[in-house]
């Protein structure tokens, strides 16, 4: 869905390749995943 080869995903999953931020964004957009779910930033509450 993001336009990468199956081997590219396998190399990322096995640690043979590091993913770039741009490619991570393409995958998140293809999967319709919110960046907070992947990156895990916690928003602080303002008092």
C-alpha atoms as a PDB file:
ATOM      1  CA  UNK A   1       0.000   0.000   0.000  1.00  0.00           C
ATOM      2  CA  UNK A   2       2.918   2.330   0.656  1.00  0.00           C
ATOM      3  CA  UNK A   3       4.730   1.250  -2.497  1.00  0.00           C
ATOM      4  CA  UNK A   4       7.691  -0.636  -1.033  1.00  0.00           C
ATOM      5  CA  UNK A   5       8.839  -4.137  -1.870  1.00  0.00           C
ATOM      6  CA  UNK A   6       8.213  -7.051   0.435  1.00  0.00           C
ATOM      7  CA  UNK A   7      11.967  -7.446   0.915  1.00  0.00           C
ATOM      8  CA  UNK A   8      12.219  -3.815   2.119  1.00  0.00           C
ATOM      9  CA  UNK A   9       9.714  -4.532   4.903  1.00  0.00           C
ATOM     10  CA  UNK A  10      11.534  -7.742   5.805  1.00  0.00           C
ATOM     11  CA  UNK A  11      14.862  -5.915   6.071  1.00  0.00           C
ATOM     12  CA  UNK A  12      13.308  -3.317   8.374  1.00  0.00           C
ATOM     13  CA  UNK A  13      11.690  -5.979  10.556  1.00  0.00           C
ATOM     14  CA  UNK A  14      14.906  -7.993  10.858  1.00  0.00           C
ATOM     15  CA  UNK A  15      17.076  -4.963  11.597  1.00  0.00           C
ATOM     16  CA  UNK A  16      19.093  -5.180   8.389  1.00  0.00           C
ATOM     17  CA  UNK A  17      17.865  -1.768   7.263  1.00  0.00           C
ATOM     18  CA  UNK A  18      16.960   1.426   9.094  1.00  0.00           C
ATOM     19  CA  UNK A  19      13.811   3.173   7.964  1.00  0.00           C
ATOM     20  CA  UNK A  20      13.898   6.865   7.138  1.00  0.00           C
ATOM     21  CA  UNK A  21      11.392   9.264   8.637  1.00  0.00           C
ATOM     22  CA  UNK A  22       9.940   9.936   5.182  1.00  0.00           C
ATOM     23  CA  UNK A  23       9.351   6.241   4.534  1.00  0.00           C
ATOM     24  CA  UNK A  24       7.895   5.790   8.015  1.00  0.00           C
ATOM     25  CA  UNK A  25       5.434   8.582   7.226  1.00  0.00           C
ATOM     26  CA  UNK A  26       4.491   6.894   3.932  1.00  0.00           C
ATOM     27  CA  UNK A  27       3.774   3.637   5.754  1.00  0.00           C
ATOM     28  CA  UNK A  28       1.741   5.408   8.476  1.00  0.00           C
ATOM     29  CA  UNK A  29      -0.304   7.228   5.828  1.00  0.00           C
ATOM     30  CA  UNK A  30      -0.932   3.997   3.907  1.00  0.00           C
ATOM     31  CA  UNK A  31      -2.083   2.242   7.080  1.00  0.00           C
ATOM     32  CA  UNK A  32      -3.961   5.312   8.347  1.00  0.00           C
ATOM     33  CA  UNK A  33      -2.076   5.164  11.640  1.00  0.00           C
ATOM     34  CA  UNK A  34      -1.757   8.213  13.876  1.00  0.00           C
ATOM     35  CA  UNK A  35       1.907   9.210  14.378  1.00  0.00           C
ATOM     36  CA  UNK A  36       1.412   9.203  18.167  1.00  0.00           C
ATOM     37  CA  UNK A  37       0.691   5.474  17.985  1.00  0.00           C
ATOM     38  CA  UNK A  38       4.070   4.811  16.376  1.00  0.00           C
ATOM     39  CA  UNK A  39       6.305   7.445  17.912  1.00  0.00           C
ATOM     40  CA  UNK A  40       4.645   7.387  21.335  1.00  0.00           C
ATOM     41  CA  UNK A  41       4.856  11.013  22.343  1.00  0.00           C
ATOM     42  CA  UNK A  42       2.910  11.792  25.485  1.00  0.00           C
ATOM     43  CA  UNK A  43       1.167  15.121  25.567  1.00  0.00           C
ATOM     44  CA  UNK A  44       1.559  16.912  28.882  1.00  0.00           C
ATOM     45  CA  UNK A  45      -1.444  18.435  30.585  1.00  0.00           C
ATOM     46  CA  UNK A  46      -1.282  22.145  31.160  1.00  0.00           C
ATOM     47  CA  UNK A  47      -2.397  23.331  34.593  1.00  0.00           C
END
